[in-house]
Amino acid sequence: MSDESGTQNTPAGSESGPRPEPLRFFGTTWVNHDDGYALRRVAAAVGSLAAAAISCLVLRFAFEGLRIADTGSFVTLLVVVMFAVCSALAFRHTWDGFRKRPDPDRQASLRGLLAIGFVGSLLAYFFRCLTEAPGEKLHRDDYETALAQHRKRTTRRTGNPSKKRRRS
């Protein structure tokens, strides 16, 4: 079960308060940076960089195929520019997605562009892993807001408000 902020609440009968939302590859280790958090960050960084390198190798084979097909330098230039622009846009979109929640409608309309620019997304993931778990700041802000709201709702008042003296 979750509230408006997307933070999950605990079921009845267990520890009270909101629970942190798990991140891909990190679970909830990002909250206290425990249970192999640093190792997971290193593994995610190395994995995304390796995937980007392998992807560039596959793209290199595609360009070799264009050269062998003798499509001409104009078509090759168009393909190179398309991948470069799409990768740059995908990098920026992925990077911004770590700081604020993306609009689902815009996300759906950019799906094709992001698929073409997958190398940019992988590089954004790599660079974010160097400083934090990708999306950690966004999730931490949501979690801390939910904790503050929970504390505010559950703090007890002292005294009976109906017996409070009124000043004249």
N, C-alpha and C. Protein backbone atom coordinates (compact mmCIF):
# COMPACT_ATOMS: atom_id res chain seq x y z
N MET A 1 0.84 -1.16 0.00
CA MET A 1 0.00 0.00 0.00
C MET A 1 0.89 1.22 0.00
N SER A 2 0.49 2.30 -0.69
CA SER A 2 1.31 3.51 -0.74
C SER A 2 0.42 4.74 -0.64
N ASP A 3 1.03 5.86 -0.21
CA ASP A 3 0.29 7.11 -0.09
C ASP A 3 0.52 7.97 -1.33
N GLU A 4 0.12 9.25 -1.28
CA GLU A 4 0.17 10.13 -2.43
C GLU A 4 1.60 10.34 -2.93
N SER A 5 2.58 10.31 -2.05
CA SER A 5 3.95 10.59 -2.45
C SER A 5 4.63 9.38 -3.07
N GLY A 6 3.96 8.23 -3.09
CA GLY A 6 4.53 7.03 -3.67
C GLY A 6 5.32 6.21 -2.66
N THR A 7 5.47 6.72 -1.44
CA THR A 7 6.20 5.99 -0.42
C THR A 7 5.28 4.94 0.18
N GLN A 8 5.80 3.75 0.35
CA GLN A 8 4.99 2.65 0.85
C GLN A 8 4.84 2.75 2.36
N ASN A 9 3.64 2.48 2.84
CA ASN A 9 3.36 2.44 4.27
C ASN A 9 3.43 1.00 4.74
N THR A 10 3.72 0.83 6.01
CA THR A 10 3.81 -0.52 6.54
C THR A 10 2.42 -1.06 6.81
N PRO A 11 2.23 -2.38 6.72
CA PRO A 11 0.93 -2.96 7.03
C PRO A 11 0.64 -2.87 8.52
N ALA A 12 -0.63 -3.00 8.87
CA ALA A 12 -1.04 -2.91 10.26
C ALA A 12 -0.38 -4.01 11.08
N GLY A 13 0.02 -3.66 12.30
CA GLY A 13 0.61 -4.65 13.18
C GLY A 13 2.12 -4.71 13.12
N SER A 14 2.74 -4.00 12.20
CA SER A 14 4.20 -4.01 12.13
C SER A 14 4.71 -2.61 12.46
N GLU A 15 5.99 -2.41 12.24
CA GLU A 15 6.62 -1.14 12.54
C GLU A 15 5.86 -0.01 11.83
N SER A 16 5.57 1.07 12.58
CA SER A 16 4.77 2.14 11.98
C SER A 16 5.66 3.09 11.20
N GLY A 17 5.05 3.79 10.28
CA GLY A 17 5.76 4.79 9.50
C GLY A 17 5.95 4.36 8.07
N PRO A 18 6.31 5.30 7.24
CA PRO A 18 6.52 4.99 5.82
C PRO A 18 7.78 4.17 5.62
N ARG A 19 7.77 3.34 4.59
CA ARG A 19 8.94 2.56 4.23
C ARG A 19 9.56 3.17 2.97
N PRO A 20 10.86 3.07 2.83
CA PRO A 20 11.50 3.62 1.63
C PRO A 20 11.14 2.79 0.39
N GLU A 21 11.07 3.47 -0.73
CA GLU A 21 10.79 2.80 -2.00
C GLU A 21 12.09 2.18 -2.51
N PRO A 22 12.09 0.90 -2.89
CA PRO A 22 13.33 0.27 -3.35
C PRO A 22 13.77 0.80 -4.72
N LEU A 23 15.07 0.88 -4.91
CA LEU A 23 15.66 1.27 -6.19
C LEU A 23 16.14 0.02 -6.92
N ARG A 24 16.11 0.07 -8.24
CA ARG A 24 16.60 -1.06 -9.05
C ARG A 24 18.07 -1.29 -8.74
N PHE A 25 18.43 -2.52 -8.50
CA PHE A 25 19.77 -2.99 -8.17
C PHE A 25 20.21 -2.65 -6.75
N PHE A 26 19.49 -1.78 -6.04
CA PHE A 26 19.93 -1.35 -4.73
C PHE A 26 18.95 -1.69 -3.62
N GLY A 27 17.72 -2.02 -3.97
CA GLY A 27 16.71 -2.29 -2.94
C GLY A 27 16.54 -1.07 -2.05
N THR A 28 16.57 -1.29 -0.74
CA THR A 28 16.47 -0.17 0.20
C THR A 28 17.81 0.09 0.90
N THR A 29 18.90 -0.43 0.34
CA THR A 29 20.21 -0.20 0.95
C THR A 29 20.64 1.26 0.85
N TRP A 30 19.99 2.04 -0.02
CA TRP A 30 20.36 3.44 -0.19
C TRP A 30 19.99 4.28 1.03
N VAL A 31 19.10 3.81 1.88
CA VAL A 31 18.66 4.61 3.03
C VAL A 31 19.81 4.81 4.01
N ASN A 32 20.43 3.73 4.43
CA ASN A 32 21.51 3.80 5.42
C ASN A 32 22.88 3.47 4.83
N HIS A 33 22.94 3.26 3.51
CA HIS A 33 24.18 2.89 2.83
C HIS A 33 24.81 1.65 3.49
N ASP A 34 23.98 0.62 3.68
CA ASP A 34 24.45 -0.61 4.31
C ASP A 34 24.22 -1.80 3.38
N ASP A 35 24.58 -2.99 3.85
CA ASP A 35 24.38 -4.24 3.11
C ASP A 35 24.97 -4.21 1.71
N GLY A 36 26.20 -3.77 1.60
CA GLY A 36 26.89 -3.80 0.31
C GLY A 36 26.52 -2.69 -0.63
N TYR A 37 26.07 -1.57 -0.11
CA TYR A 37 25.66 -0.44 -0.95
C TYR A 37 26.81 0.02 -1.85
N ALA A 38 28.01 0.20 -1.28
CA ALA A 38 29.15 0.68 -2.07
C ALA A 38 29.51 -0.33 -3.15
N LEU A 39 29.49 -1.60 -2.82
CA LEU A 39 29.80 -2.63 -3.80
C LEU A 39 28.76 -2.64 -4.92
N ARG A 40 27.50 -2.44 -4.56
CA ARG A 40 26.44 -2.38 -5.57
C ARG A 40 26.63 -1.20 -6.50
N ARG A 41 27.05 -0.05 -5.93
CA ARG A 41 27.29 1.13 -6.77
C ARG A 41 28.43 0.87 -7.75
N VAL A 42 29.49 0.25 -7.26
CA VAL A 42 30.62 -0.06 -8.14
C VAL A 42 30.18 -1.03 -9.22
N ALA A 43 29.43 -2.07 -8.84
CA ALA A 43 28.97 -3.06 -9.81
C ALA A 43 28.03 -2.43 -10.85
N ALA A 44 27.15 -1.54 -10.40
CA ALA A 44 26.24 -0.88 -11.35
C ALA A 44 27.01 0.04 -12.29
N ALA A 45 28.01 0.73 -11.78
CA ALA A 45 28.82 1.62 -12.62
C ALA A 45 29.60 0.80 -13.66
N VAL A 46 30.26 -0.25 -13.20
CA VAL A 46 31.04 -1.09 -14.12
C VAL A 46 30.12 -1.76 -15.14
N GLY A 47 28.98 -2.24 -14.67
CA GLY A 47 28.04 -2.90 -15.57
C GLY A 47 27.49 -1.97 -16.64
N SER A 48 27.12 -0.76 -16.25
CA SER A 48 26.58 0.17 -17.24
C SER A 48 27.66 0.63 -18.22
N LEU A 49 28.88 0.83 -17.73
CA LEU A 49 29.97 1.21 -18.63
C LEU A 49 30.30 0.07 -19.59
N ALA A 50 30.30 -1.16 -19.09
CA ALA A 50 30.56 -2.31 -19.96
C ALA A 50 29.45 -2.47 -21.00
N ALA A 51 28.21 -2.27 -20.59
CA ALA A 51 27.09 -2.36 -21.53
C ALA A 51 27.19 -1.27 -22.60
N ALA A 52 27.61 -0.06 -22.19
CA ALA A 52 27.79 1.02 -23.16
C ALA A 52 28.92 0.69 -24.14
N ALA A 53 30.01 0.12 -23.65
CA ALA A 53 31.12 -0.24 -24.52
C ALA A 53 30.72 -1.33 -25.51
N ILE A 54 30.01 -2.33 -25.03
CA ILE A 54 29.55 -3.41 -25.91
C ILE A 54 28.56 -2.86 -26.93
N SER A 55 27.71 -1.94 -26.51
CA SER A 55 26.75 -1.32 -27.43
C SER A 55 27.47 -0.53 -28.52
N CYS A 56 28.53 0.16 -28.15
CA CYS A 56 29.31 0.90 -29.16
C CYS A 56 29.97 -0.06 -30.14
N LEU A 57 30.39 -1.20 -29.65
CA LEU A 57 30.97 -2.21 -30.54
C LEU A 57 29.93 -2.73 -31.53
N VAL A 58 28.72 -2.96 -31.04
CA VAL A 58 27.64 -3.41 -31.92
C VAL A 58 27.32 -2.33 -32.95
N LEU A 59 27.29 -1.07 -32.52
CA LEU A 59 27.05 0.03 -33.47
C LEU A 59 28.16 0.11 -34.51
N ARG A 60 29.37 -0.19 -34.08
CA ARG A 60 30.50 -0.19 -35.02
C ARG A 60 30.27 -1.23 -36.11
N PHE A 61 29.76 -2.40 -35.73
CA PHE A 61 29.45 -3.42 -36.73
C PHE A 61 28.36 -2.94 -37.69
N ALA A 62 27.40 -2.20 -37.17
CA ALA A 62 26.33 -1.66 -38.02
C ALA A 62 26.90 -0.66 -39.02
N PHE A 63 27.82 0.18 -38.58
CA PHE A 63 28.44 1.13 -39.50
C PHE A 63 29.30 0.42 -40.54
N GLU A 64 29.95 -0.65 -40.15
CA GLU A 64 30.70 -1.45 -41.11
C GLU A 64 29.77 -2.05 -42.15
N GLY A 65 28.58 -2.45 -41.71
CA GLY A 65 27.59 -2.97 -42.64
C GLY A 65 27.16 -1.92 -43.64
N LEU A 66 27.01 -0.68 -43.17
CA LEU A 66 26.67 0.42 -44.10
C LEU A 66 27.81 0.66 -45.09
N ARG A 67 29.03 0.57 -44.63
CA ARG A 67 30.18 0.78 -45.50
C ARG A 67 30.26 -0.33 -46.55
N ILE A 68 30.04 -1.57 -46.09
CA ILE A 68 30.09 -2.71 -47.02
C ILE A 68 28.96 -2.61 -48.05
N ALA A 69 27.79 -2.14 -47.62
CA ALA A 69 26.65 -2.01 -48.52
C ALA A 69 26.84 -0.86 -49.50
N ASP A 70 27.85 -0.04 -49.26
CA ASP A 70 28.18 1.08 -50.12
C ASP A 70 26.97 2.01 -50.32
N THR A 71 26.38 2.40 -49.18
CA THR A 71 25.22 3.28 -49.23
C THR A 71 25.61 4.73 -49.47
N GLY A 72 26.86 5.03 -49.30
CA GLY A 72 27.32 6.39 -49.54
C GLY A 72 27.59 7.11 -48.23
N SER A 73 28.37 8.16 -48.34
CA SER A 73 28.77 8.88 -47.14
C SER A 73 27.62 9.68 -46.53
N PHE A 74 26.66 10.10 -47.36
CA PHE A 74 25.53 10.88 -46.84
C PHE A 74 24.69 10.05 -45.87
N VAL A 75 24.37 8.82 -46.23
CA VAL A 75 23.57 7.95 -45.37
C VAL A 75 24.34 7.63 -44.09
N THR A 76 25.62 7.35 -44.23
CA THR A 76 26.45 7.07 -43.05
C THR A 76 26.49 8.27 -42.12
N LEU A 77 26.63 9.46 -42.69
CA LEU A 77 26.63 10.68 -41.89
C LEU A 77 25.28 10.87 -41.18
N LEU A 78 24.18 10.63 -41.88
CA LEU A 78 22.86 10.73 -41.25
C LEU A 78 22.71 9.78 -40.08
N VAL A 79 23.18 8.55 -40.23
CA VAL A 79 23.07 7.55 -39.16
C VAL A 79 23.92 7.96 -37.97
N VAL A 80 25.14 8.44 -38.23
CA VAL A 80 26.02 8.87 -37.15
C VAL A 80 25.40 10.05 -36.40
N VAL A 81 24.89 11.02 -37.13
CA VAL A 81 24.27 12.20 -36.49
C VAL A 81 23.03 11.77 -35.71
N MET A 82 22.22 10.86 -36.27
CA MET A 82 21.02 10.40 -35.58
C MET A 82 21.38 9.75 -34.24
N PHE A 83 22.36 8.85 -34.24
CA PHE A 83 22.75 8.20 -32.99
C PHE A 83 23.37 9.19 -32.01
N ALA A 84 24.14 10.13 -32.50
CA ALA A 84 24.77 11.12 -31.61
C ALA A 84 23.71 12.01 -30.96
N VAL A 85 22.77 12.52 -31.75
CA VAL A 85 21.73 13.40 -31.21
C VAL A 85 20.81 12.63 -30.27
N CYS A 86 20.40 11.45 -30.67
CA CYS A 86 19.51 10.64 -29.81
C CYS A 86 20.21 10.24 -28.52
N SER A 87 21.49 9.94 -28.58
CA SER A 87 22.23 9.59 -27.37
C SER A 87 22.36 10.79 -26.44
N ALA A 88 22.61 11.96 -27.00
CA ALA A 88 22.70 13.17 -26.17
C ALA A 88 21.36 13.48 -25.52
N LEU A 89 20.28 13.36 -26.27
CA LEU A 89 18.94 13.61 -25.70
C LEU A 89 18.58 12.56 -24.65
N ALA A 90 18.94 11.31 -24.91
CA ALA A 90 18.66 10.24 -23.94
C ALA A 90 19.47 10.45 -22.67
N PHE A 91 20.73 10.88 -22.81
CA PHE A 91 21.55 11.16 -21.64
C PHE A 91 20.89 12.24 -20.79
N ARG A 92 20.49 13.33 -21.43
CA ARG A 92 19.88 14.45 -20.69
C ARG A 92 18.56 14.02 -20.03
N HIS A 93 17.74 13.29 -20.75
CA HIS A 93 16.45 12.85 -20.21
C HIS A 93 16.66 11.90 -19.02
N THR A 94 17.59 10.97 -19.15
CA THR A 94 17.87 10.04 -18.06
C THR A 94 18.45 10.77 -16.86
N TRP A 95 19.36 11.69 -17.11
CA TRP A 95 19.98 12.46 -16.03
C TRP A 95 18.93 13.28 -15.28
N ASP A 96 18.02 13.92 -16.01
CA ASP A 96 16.96 14.70 -15.37
C ASP A 96 16.00 13.80 -14.60
N GLY A 97 15.82 12.57 -15.06
CA GLY A 97 14.94 11.62 -14.39
C GLY A 97 15.44 11.20 -13.02
N PHE A 98 16.74 11.41 -12.75
CA PHE A 98 17.28 11.10 -11.43
C PHE A 98 16.96 12.19 -10.42
N ARG A 99 16.59 13.38 -10.88
CA ARG A 99 16.33 14.50 -9.98
C ARG A 99 14.84 14.79 -9.80
N LYS A 100 14.03 14.50 -10.79
CA LYS A 100 12.59 14.73 -10.67
C LYS A 100 11.86 13.63 -11.43
N ARG A 101 10.67 13.35 -10.98
CA ARG A 101 9.90 12.28 -11.60
C ARG A 101 9.48 12.70 -13.01
N PRO A 102 9.74 11.84 -14.01
CA PRO A 102 9.39 12.20 -15.39
C PRO A 102 7.88 12.15 -15.61
N ASP A 103 7.42 12.98 -16.53
CA ASP A 103 6.02 13.01 -16.92
C ASP A 103 5.73 11.74 -17.75
N PRO A 104 4.74 10.94 -17.36
CA PRO A 104 4.48 9.68 -18.09
C PRO A 104 4.12 9.90 -19.56
N ASP A 105 3.40 10.98 -19.86
CA ASP A 105 3.03 11.23 -21.26
C ASP A 105 4.26 11.57 -22.09
N ARG A 106 5.12 12.40 -21.55
CA ARG A 106 6.35 12.76 -22.26
C ARG A 106 7.25 11.53 -22.39
N GLN A 107 7.29 10.72 -21.35
CA GLN A 107 8.09 9.49 -21.37
C GLN A 107 7.63 8.58 -22.49
N ALA A 108 6.32 8.45 -22.66
CA ALA A 108 5.78 7.58 -23.71
C ALA A 108 6.09 8.14 -25.09
N SER A 109 6.04 9.46 -25.24
CA SER A 109 6.30 10.04 -26.55
C SER A 109 7.77 9.97 -26.93
N LEU A 110 8.66 9.87 -25.94
CA LEU A 110 10.10 9.81 -26.21
C LEU A 110 10.65 8.39 -26.24
N ARG A 111 9.79 7.41 -26.14
CA ARG A 111 10.24 6.02 -26.03
C ARG A 111 11.13 5.61 -27.19
N GLY A 112 10.76 5.95 -28.42
CA GLY A 112 11.57 5.59 -29.59
C GLY A 112 12.91 6.28 -29.59
N LEU A 113 12.92 7.56 -29.27
CA LEU A 113 14.16 8.32 -29.21
C LEU A 113 15.10 7.76 -28.15
N LEU A 114 14.53 7.41 -26.99
CA LEU A 114 15.35 6.84 -25.91
C LEU A 114 15.88 5.46 -26.28
N ALA A 115 15.13 4.72 -27.07
CA ALA A 115 15.60 3.40 -27.50
C ALA A 115 16.78 3.54 -28.47
N ILE A 116 16.72 4.53 -29.35
CA ILE A 116 17.82 4.75 -30.29
C ILE A 116 19.04 5.28 -29.54
N GLY A 117 18.83 6.14 -28.55
CA GLY A 117 19.93 6.74 -27.81
C GLY A 117 20.29 5.99 -26.55
N PHE A 118 20.17 4.68 -26.58
CA PHE A 118 20.40 3.86 -25.38
C PHE A 118 21.81 4.03 -24.82
N VAL A 119 22.78 4.35 -25.65
CA VAL A 119 24.15 4.52 -25.16
C VAL A 119 24.21 5.72 -24.22
N GLY A 120 23.49 6.78 -24.55
CA GLY A 120 23.43 7.96 -23.67
C GLY A 120 22.82 7.64 -22.33
N SER A 121 21.76 6.83 -22.32
CA SER A 121 21.14 6.43 -21.06
C SER A 121 22.09 5.60 -20.21
N LEU A 122 22.82 4.70 -20.84
CA LEU A 122 23.78 3.88 -20.10
C LEU A 122 24.90 4.73 -19.52
N LEU A 123 25.35 5.72 -20.27
CA LEU A 123 26.41 6.60 -19.76
C LEU A 123 25.91 7.48 -18.62
N ALA A 124 24.67 7.94 -18.71
CA ALA A 124 24.10 8.72 -17.61
C ALA A 124 24.02 7.87 -16.35
N TYR A 125 23.63 6.62 -16.50
CA TYR A 125 23.57 5.70 -15.36
C TYR A 125 24.96 5.51 -14.76
N PHE A 126 25.96 5.36 -15.62
CA PHE A 126 27.34 5.19 -15.14
C PHE A 126 27.80 6.42 -14.34
N PHE A 127 27.61 7.60 -14.90
CA PHE A 127 28.09 8.80 -14.23
C PHE A 127 27.34 9.06 -12.91
N ARG A 128 26.06 8.71 -12.86
CA ARG A 128 25.31 8.90 -11.61
C ARG A 128 25.78 7.92 -10.54
N CYS A 129 26.16 6.72 -10.96
CA CYS A 129 26.66 5.72 -10.00
C CYS A 129 27.96 6.15 -9.34
N LEU A 130 28.68 7.07 -9.95
CA LEU A 130 29.93 7.54 -9.36
C LEU A 130 29.69 8.40 -8.12
N THR A 131 28.51 9.00 -8.00
CA THR A 131 28.22 9.86 -6.85
C THR A 131 27.17 9.28 -5.90
N GLU A 132 26.19 8.57 -6.44
CA GLU A 132 25.11 8.00 -5.62
C GLU A 132 24.40 6.93 -6.43
N ALA A 133 23.50 6.23 -5.77
CA ALA A 133 22.65 5.29 -6.50
C ALA A 133 21.74 6.11 -7.40
N PRO A 134 21.59 5.73 -8.67
CA PRO A 134 20.74 6.51 -9.57
C PRO A 134 19.32 6.64 -9.03
N GLY A 135 18.89 7.87 -8.82
CA GLY A 135 17.56 8.16 -8.29
C GLY A 135 17.53 8.26 -6.77
N GLU A 136 18.67 8.12 -6.12
CA GLU A 136 18.71 8.14 -4.64
C GLU A 136 18.24 9.48 -4.08
N LYS A 137 18.70 10.58 -4.64
CA LYS A 137 18.33 11.90 -4.12
C LYS A 137 16.82 12.12 -4.22
N LEU A 138 16.24 11.75 -5.34
CA LEU A 138 14.81 11.89 -5.54
C LEU A 138 14.03 11.04 -4.53
N HIS A 139 14.44 9.79 -4.36
CA HIS A 139 13.76 8.90 -3.42
C HIS A 139 14.00 9.33 -1.98
N ARG A 140 15.20 9.83 -1.68
CA ARG A 140 15.50 10.29 -0.32
C ARG A 140 14.64 11.50 0.04
N ASP A 141 14.48 12.43 -0.88
CA ASP A 141 13.63 13.60 -0.63
C ASP A 141 12.19 13.17 -0.36
N ASP A 142 11.67 12.25 -1.19
CA ASP A 142 10.30 11.75 -0.99
C ASP A 142 10.17 11.04 0.35
N TYR A 143 11.16 10.22 0.68
CA TYR A 143 11.12 9.45 1.92
C TYR A 143 11.19 10.37 3.14
N GLU A 144 12.07 11.35 3.11
CA GLU A 144 12.18 12.28 4.24
C GLU A 144 10.93 13.13 4.40
N THR A 145 10.31 13.51 3.30
CA THR A 145 9.04 14.25 3.36
C THR A 145 7.96 13.37 3.98
N ALA A 146 7.89 12.11 3.56
CA ALA A 146 6.89 11.19 4.11
C ALA A 146 7.14 10.95 5.60
N LEU A 147 8.42 10.83 6.00
CA LEU A 147 8.73 10.66 7.43
C LEU A 147 8.31 11.88 8.24
N ALA A 148 8.58 13.07 7.71
CA ALA A 148 8.20 14.30 8.42
C ALA A 148 6.68 14.40 8.55
N GLN A 149 5.97 14.06 7.49
CA GLN A 149 4.50 14.08 7.55
C GLN A 149 4.00 13.05 8.55
N HIS A 150 4.61 11.89 8.59
CA HIS A 150 4.20 10.85 9.52
C HIS A 150 4.43 11.29 10.96
N ARG A 151 5.61 11.87 11.22
CA ARG A 151 5.90 12.36 12.58
C ARG A 151 4.92 13.45 12.99
N LYS A 152 4.59 14.31 12.06
CA LYS A 152 3.66 15.40 12.35
C LYS A 152 2.27 14.86 12.68
N ARG A 153 1.86 13.82 11.94
CA ARG A 153 0.53 13.23 12.18
C ARG A 153 0.48 12.44 13.48
N THR A 154 1.60 11.84 13.88
CA THR A 154 1.55 10.93 15.03
C THR A 154 2.05 11.54 16.33
N THR A 155 2.54 12.77 16.34
CA THR A 155 2.98 13.37 17.60
C THR A 155 1.77 13.64 18.47
N ARG A 156 1.94 13.38 19.73
CA ARG A 156 0.85 13.54 20.70
C ARG A 156 0.83 14.96 21.24
N ARG A 157 -0.36 15.45 21.43
CA ARG A 157 -0.50 16.76 22.08
C ARG A 157 -0.44 16.56 23.58
N THR A 158 -0.03 17.58 24.27
CA THR A 158 -0.02 17.51 25.73
C THR A 158 -1.22 18.28 26.25
N GLY A 159 -1.88 17.69 27.21
CA GLY A 159 -3.01 18.36 27.85
C GLY A 159 -4.30 18.24 27.06
N ASN A 160 -5.37 18.64 27.68
CA ASN A 160 -6.69 18.61 27.08
C ASN A 160 -6.97 20.00 26.49
N PRO A 161 -7.18 20.12 25.19
CA PRO A 161 -7.38 21.44 24.61
C PRO A 161 -8.66 22.13 25.09
N SER A 162 -9.65 21.37 25.55
CA SER A 162 -10.89 22.01 26.02
C SER A 162 -10.70 22.68 27.37
N LYS A 163 -9.66 22.31 28.13
CA LYS A 163 -9.42 22.91 29.44
C LYS A 163 -8.43 24.06 29.37
N LYS A 164 -8.04 24.43 28.14
CA LYS A 164 -7.07 25.48 27.98
C LYS A 164 -7.70 26.82 28.38
N ARG A 165 -6.94 27.61 29.15
CA ARG A 165 -7.44 28.92 29.59
C ARG A 165 -7.39 29.89 28.42
N ARG A 166 -8.38 30.66 28.33
CA ARG A 166 -8.46 31.65 27.27
C ARG A 166 -8.06 33.00 27.86
N ARG A 167 -7.28 33.72 27.13
CA ARG A 167 -6.88 35.06 27.55
C ARG A 167 -7.92 36.06 27.12
N SER A 168 -8.19 37.00 27.97
CA SER A 168 -9.19 38.00 27.62
C SER A 168 -8.57 39.28 27.17
